[in-house]
Amino acid sequence: MTKKRIDTLSALDYIPHPLVIVTAGDPENPNERGGMTAAWVSRISWNPPLVMVAIAPSRHTLKLIRKQGSFALNIVSKALENAAYSVFGMLSGKNVDKFSAAKVTVKPAERIKAPVIAEAPVVIECEKIDEVKAGDHIMIIGEVVNAYINSDDTPLVFYQSRSGELNV
């Protein structure tokens, strides 16, 4: 195969991404809870266990994380794929209770103040410890304080193929 140059932004599409719904806010109050689909999520430290999620500054979920100081990562499986894309990835939590719109079961996190999605195969609860401006996003750094498996469903990962197709 001959080497083919691509632009730098296109090259980044080839990095596989997890598919995660980040949730934050008051789990009992539909007007004070929210969530958003995120692909830019990564483990960044073993000790202490830290994760990073990149969020656009205008996102309602970012405001909720800043207010509560915590968030949950709800790993997406095939069963949650439609909710991740069409509800948590498209609608604004300022105007809609995304949990009701997605018809998912919301429950309080175990160790932090945040809603979690009962159907998520894996939930990772985090305390916000820092944030860093990174280009047009804010990197929220959280310490993992609790995690659990809700089902044996396989988490989704997506990436762009060489033909340009998005693969899940």
Protein backbone atom coordinates (compact mmCIF):
# COMPACT_ATOMS: atom_id res chain seq x y z
CA MET A 1 0.00 0.00 0.00
CA THR A 2 1.25 3.48 -0.82
CA LYS A 3 1.45 6.10 1.84
CA LYS A 4 -1.44 8.57 1.62
CA ARG A 5 -1.34 11.88 3.46
CA ILE A 6 -4.41 12.99 5.38
CA ASP A 7 -5.09 16.17 7.28
CA THR A 8 -4.47 16.19 11.03
CA LEU A 9 -8.15 16.43 12.03
CA SER A 10 -9.04 13.45 9.83
CA ALA A 11 -6.15 11.48 11.36
CA LEU A 12 -7.66 11.95 14.83
CA ASP A 13 -10.87 10.23 13.67
CA TYR A 14 -8.92 6.96 13.49
CA ILE A 15 -8.30 6.91 17.24
CA PRO A 16 -10.88 4.53 18.75
CA HIS A 17 -13.20 6.22 21.26
CA PRO A 18 -15.36 4.81 24.02
CA LEU A 19 -19.02 5.77 23.91
CA VAL A 20 -20.04 7.19 27.29
CA ILE A 21 -22.96 9.15 28.70
CA VAL A 22 -21.64 11.59 31.31
CA THR A 23 -24.28 12.41 33.94
CA ALA A 24 -24.35 15.04 36.67
CA GLY A 25 -26.66 17.01 38.93
CA ASP A 26 -29.40 16.13 41.38
CA PRO A 27 -30.76 12.65 40.59
CA GLU A 28 -34.08 13.43 42.31
CA ASN A 29 -34.79 16.69 40.47
CA PRO A 30 -35.45 16.45 36.70
CA ASN A 31 -34.81 20.21 36.38
CA GLU A 32 -31.37 19.93 38.00
CA ARG A 33 -29.97 16.81 36.36
CA GLY A 34 -28.49 16.19 32.97
CA GLY A 35 -26.18 14.20 30.82
CA MET A 36 -24.38 14.22 27.50
CA THR A 37 -22.78 11.76 25.16
CA ALA A 38 -18.98 11.96 25.19
CA ALA A 39 -16.33 10.17 23.18
CA TRP A 40 -13.30 12.04 24.49
CA VAL A 41 -12.95 10.11 27.73
CA SER A 42 -9.75 8.53 29.01
CA ARG A 43 -8.02 7.06 32.01
CA ILE A 44 -5.10 9.35 32.89
CA SER A 45 -3.63 7.99 36.16
CA TRP A 46 -3.34 4.73 38.06
CA ASN A 47 -2.59 6.20 41.47
CA PRO A 48 -4.86 7.86 42.28
CA PRO A 49 -7.30 6.47 39.70
CA LEU A 50 -8.11 9.48 37.49
CA VAL A 51 -10.18 9.92 34.35
CA MET A 52 -10.65 12.82 31.96
CA VAL A 53 -13.67 13.86 29.94
CA ALA A 54 -13.57 16.70 27.41
CA ILE A 55 -16.66 18.91 27.40
CA ALA A 56 -17.52 22.00 25.35
CA PRO A 57 -17.80 25.09 27.60
CA SER A 58 -21.42 25.75 26.56
CA ARG A 59 -22.72 22.36 27.73
CA HIS A 60 -25.36 22.24 30.46
CA THR A 61 -23.69 19.08 31.85
CA LEU A 62 -20.49 21.05 32.49
CA LYS A 63 -22.43 23.57 34.58
CA LEU A 64 -23.94 20.71 36.61
CA ILE A 65 -20.52 19.11 37.19
CA ARG A 66 -19.13 22.42 38.39
CA LYS A 67 -22.13 22.94 40.70
CA GLN A 68 -22.11 19.45 42.28
CA GLY A 69 -18.39 18.70 42.03
CA SER A 70 -19.04 15.18 40.76
CA PHE A 71 -20.12 13.18 37.71
CA ALA A 72 -20.72 9.63 36.55
CA LEU A 73 -19.50 7.87 33.43
CA ASN A 74 -22.21 5.53 32.13
CA ILE A 75 -20.63 3.18 29.61
CA VAL A 76 -22.87 2.68 26.56
CA SER A 77 -23.81 -0.73 25.16
CA LYS A 78 -25.92 -1.56 22.10
CA ALA A 79 -29.06 -1.25 24.29
CA LEU A 80 -28.22 2.42 25.02
CA GLU A 81 -26.82 3.37 21.60
CA ASN A 82 -29.99 5.11 20.38
CA ALA A 83 -30.33 7.04 23.66
CA ALA A 84 -26.66 8.07 23.45
CA TYR A 85 -26.94 9.44 19.93
CA SER A 86 -30.50 10.71 19.58
CA VAL A 87 -31.21 12.01 23.10
CA PHE A 88 -28.06 12.57 25.17
CA GLY A 89 -26.10 13.54 22.06
CA MET A 90 -28.68 15.82 20.44
CA LEU A 91 -31.03 17.45 22.95
CA SER A 92 -30.23 20.18 25.47
CA GLY A 93 -30.72 19.38 29.15
CA LYS A 94 -31.64 23.03 29.68
CA ASN A 95 -35.03 22.31 28.11
CA VAL A 96 -35.59 18.56 28.40
CA ASP A 97 -35.23 15.84 31.02
CA LYS A 98 -33.07 13.59 28.85
CA PHE A 99 -33.53 10.60 31.15
CA SER A 100 -37.31 10.65 30.60
CA ALA A 101 -36.94 11.40 26.89
CA ALA A 102 -34.57 8.43 26.48
CA LYS A 103 -36.84 6.18 28.56
CA VAL A 104 -33.95 5.04 30.75
CA THR A 105 -34.07 4.22 34.42
CA VAL A 106 -32.42 6.94 36.48
CA LYS A 107 -31.16 6.19 39.97
CA PRO A 108 -28.91 8.00 42.43
CA ALA A 109 -25.22 7.20 42.33
CA GLU A 110 -23.94 5.27 45.34
CA ARG A 111 -21.06 7.52 46.52
CA ILE A 112 -21.53 10.87 44.79
CA LYS A 113 -24.43 13.20 44.10
CA ALA A 114 -25.29 12.44 40.48
CA PRO A 115 -27.84 10.48 38.51
CA VAL A 116 -26.78 7.21 36.89
CA ILE A 117 -28.39 5.11 34.18
CA ALA A 118 -29.42 1.70 35.53
CA GLU A 119 -29.18 0.13 32.04
CA ALA A 120 -25.50 1.11 31.63
CA PRO A 121 -23.32 -2.02 31.72
CA VAL A 122 -20.64 -0.17 33.72
CA VAL A 123 -20.93 2.95 35.88
CA ILE A 124 -17.88 4.87 37.10
CA GLU A 125 -18.51 7.50 39.79
CA CYS A 126 -16.07 10.43 39.97
CA GLU A 127 -15.32 13.42 42.17
CA LYS A 128 -14.17 16.41 40.12
CA ILE A 129 -10.66 17.38 41.18
CA ASP A 130 -9.58 19.75 38.43
CA GLU A 131 -10.37 21.24 35.06
CA VAL A 132 -8.04 22.38 32.32
CA LYS A 133 -8.82 24.48 29.25
CA ALA A 134 -7.73 22.54 26.18
CA GLY A 135 -8.42 24.30 22.89
CA ASP A 136 -12.16 24.62 22.39
CA HIS A 137 -13.00 22.17 25.22
CA ILE A 138 -12.60 21.90 28.98
CA MET A 139 -10.96 18.75 30.31
CA ILE A 140 -12.70 17.71 33.50
CA ILE A 141 -10.47 15.51 35.63
CA GLY A 142 -12.17 13.24 38.10
CA GLU A 143 -10.99 10.80 40.73
CA VAL A 144 -12.76 7.47 40.48
CA VAL A 145 -14.39 6.85 43.87
CA ASN A 146 -16.75 3.99 42.98
CA ALA A 147 -17.53 1.68 40.06
CA TYR A 148 -19.85 -1.22 39.37
CA ILE A 149 -21.06 -3.58 36.66
CA ASN A 150 -24.80 -3.64 35.98
CA SER A 151 -24.86 -6.16 33.12
CA ASP A 152 -22.72 -8.33 30.86
CA ASP A 153 -23.49 -6.16 27.81
CA THR A 154 -20.46 -5.28 25.72
CA PRO A 155 -19.40 -1.60 25.79
CA LEU A 156 -19.36 0.17 22.42
CA VAL A 157 -16.24 1.66 20.90
CA PHE A 158 -16.33 3.61 17.67
CA TYR A 159 -13.72 4.52 15.10
CA GLN A 160 -13.47 5.64 11.52
CA SER A 161 -12.48 3.03 8.92
CA ARG A 162 -10.06 3.76 6.10
CA SER A 163 -13.05 4.05 3.76
CA GLY A 164 -14.36 6.90 5.92
CA GLU A 165 -17.22 4.92 7.44
CA LEU A 166 -17.98 5.28 11.14
CA ASN A 167 -17.78 1.86 12.84
CA VAL A 168 -19.24 0.82 16.18
